[in-house]
């Protein structure tokens, strides 16, 4: 089991480009990805076949401009991730992200 990490840098100079970037982010959420940062999303991928299918989905919804990178990391590497936060209290977004990750893991 592992995680497919999607990182992207999309142009937002024009109204059309902003619309395409928003459509892509919404598409990722619609496909079940978790937003880790504004341009970093992740999804649990149980098998290599699932990973390949997820990448095909990304290719299908990716905008025609900008860069989209897909990384696959093992579950062990995911567990080793260190998050450094300067705030004492967790924001609502951080709590929601942790809850959504737990939901995905419980599903598998």
Protein backbone atom coordinates (compact mmCIF):
# COMPACT_ATOMS: atom_id res chain seq x y z
CA UNK A 1 0.00 0.00 0.00
CA UNK A 2 1.14 3.52 -0.66
CA UNK A 3 0.16 7.09 -1.39
CA UNK A 4 -0.06 8.94 -4.68
CA UNK A 5 1.04 12.54 -4.14
CA UNK A 6 0.01 15.13 -6.73
CA UNK A 7 1.92 18.42 -6.86
CA UNK A 8 1.14 21.11 -9.39
CA UNK A 9 2.05 24.58 -10.49
CA UNK A 10 -0.63 26.01 -12.75
CA UNK A 11 -0.73 29.46 -14.31
CA UNK A 12 -3.39 31.82 -12.95
CA UNK A 13 -2.68 34.99 -14.92
CA UNK A 14 -5.96 35.06 -16.82
CA UNK A 15 -9.54 34.40 -15.78
CA UNK A 16 -9.55 31.28 -17.99
CA UNK A 17 -6.37 29.94 -16.33
CA UNK A 18 -7.78 30.56 -12.85
CA UNK A 19 -10.95 28.72 -13.87
CA UNK A 20 -8.91 25.77 -15.17
CA UNK A 21 -6.82 25.62 -11.97
CA UNK A 22 -9.95 25.69 -9.80
CA UNK A 23 -11.59 23.04 -11.96
CA UNK A 24 -8.50 20.83 -11.56
CA UNK A 25 -8.43 21.24 -7.76
CA UNK A 26 -12.16 20.50 -7.56
CA UNK A 27 -11.62 17.49 -9.81
CA UNK A 28 -8.97 16.13 -7.45
CA UNK A 29 -11.31 16.51 -4.48
CA UNK A 30 -14.05 14.83 -6.51
CA UNK A 31 -11.74 11.89 -7.16
CA UNK A 32 -11.18 11.46 -3.41
CA UNK A 33 -7.85 13.24 -2.96
CA UNK A 34 -6.97 15.01 0.28
CA UNK A 35 -5.71 18.58 0.08
CA UNK A 36 -2.43 18.72 2.01
CA UNK A 37 -1.59 22.20 0.74
CA UNK A 38 -3.15 24.43 -1.89
CA UNK A 39 -1.26 22.68 -4.70
CA UNK A 40 -0.42 19.37 -3.00
CA UNK A 41 -2.96 16.54 -2.87
CA UNK A 42 -2.71 12.89 -1.81
CA UNK A 43 -4.69 9.69 -2.17
CA UNK A 44 -4.23 6.23 -0.75
CA UNK A 45 -3.38 3.70 -3.47
CA UNK A 46 -3.68 0.09 -2.37
CA UNK A 47 -2.16 -1.56 -5.44
CA UNK A 48 0.04 -0.67 -8.41
CA UNK A 49 -2.99 -1.16 -10.67
CA UNK A 50 -4.96 1.38 -8.60
CA UNK A 51 -2.03 3.80 -8.86
CA UNK A 52 -2.00 3.45 -12.65
CA UNK A 53 -5.75 4.08 -12.78
CA UNK A 54 -5.41 7.15 -10.57
CA UNK A 55 -2.66 8.54 -12.82
CA UNK A 56 -4.89 8.01 -15.86
CA UNK A 57 -7.62 9.99 -14.05
CA UNK A 58 -5.12 12.81 -13.41
CA UNK A 59 -4.12 12.86 -17.08
CA UNK A 60 -7.79 13.10 -18.02
CA UNK A 61 -8.56 16.11 -15.79
CA UNK A 62 -5.19 17.94 -16.00
CA UNK A 63 -5.29 21.41 -17.54
CA UNK A 64 -3.54 22.01 -20.85
CA UNK A 65 -1.02 24.42 -19.26
CA UNK A 66 1.23 24.22 -16.21
CA UNK A 67 2.98 21.32 -14.54
CA UNK A 68 1.46 18.38 -12.69
CA UNK A 69 3.77 15.91 -10.98
CA UNK A 70 2.74 12.53 -9.57
CA UNK A 71 4.83 10.81 -6.89
CA UNK A 72 4.18 7.44 -5.30
CA UNK A 73 5.44 6.82 -1.78
CA UNK A 74 5.04 3.76 0.35
CA UNK A 75 2.85 3.71 3.42
CA UNK A 76 6.02 3.46 5.51
CA UNK A 77 7.40 6.66 3.92
CA UNK A 78 4.04 8.37 4.52
CA UNK A 79 4.23 7.43 8.20
CA UNK A 80 7.72 8.97 8.39
CA UNK A 81 6.39 12.37 7.27
CA UNK A 82 7.07 15.14 9.73
CA UNK A 83 4.78 18.16 9.84
CA UNK A 84 6.14 21.26 11.50
CA UNK A 85 3.51 23.75 12.61
CA UNK A 86 4.26 27.01 14.37
CA UNK A 87 0.73 27.37 15.80
CA UNK A 88 -0.14 25.81 19.15
CA UNK A 89 -3.74 25.12 18.14
CA UNK A 90 -4.64 23.09 15.09
CA UNK A 91 -6.63 24.87 12.45
CA UNK A 92 -9.96 23.47 11.27
CA UNK A 93 -8.32 22.42 8.01
CA UNK A 94 -5.64 20.37 9.80
CA UNK A 95 -8.22 18.57 11.90
CA UNK A 96 -10.34 17.84 8.84
CA UNK A 97 -7.31 16.49 6.95
CA UNK A 98 -6.44 14.09 9.80
CA UNK A 99 -10.02 12.88 10.00
CA UNK A 100 -10.18 12.30 6.23
CA UNK A 101 -6.89 10.35 6.25
CA UNK A 102 -8.22 8.12 9.03
CA UNK A 103 -11.43 7.58 7.04
CA UNK A 104 -9.43 6.47 3.98
CA UNK A 105 -7.28 4.11 6.02
CA UNK A 106 -10.31 2.56 7.71
CA UNK A 107 -11.83 1.91 4.30
CA UNK A 108 -8.80 -0.19 3.25
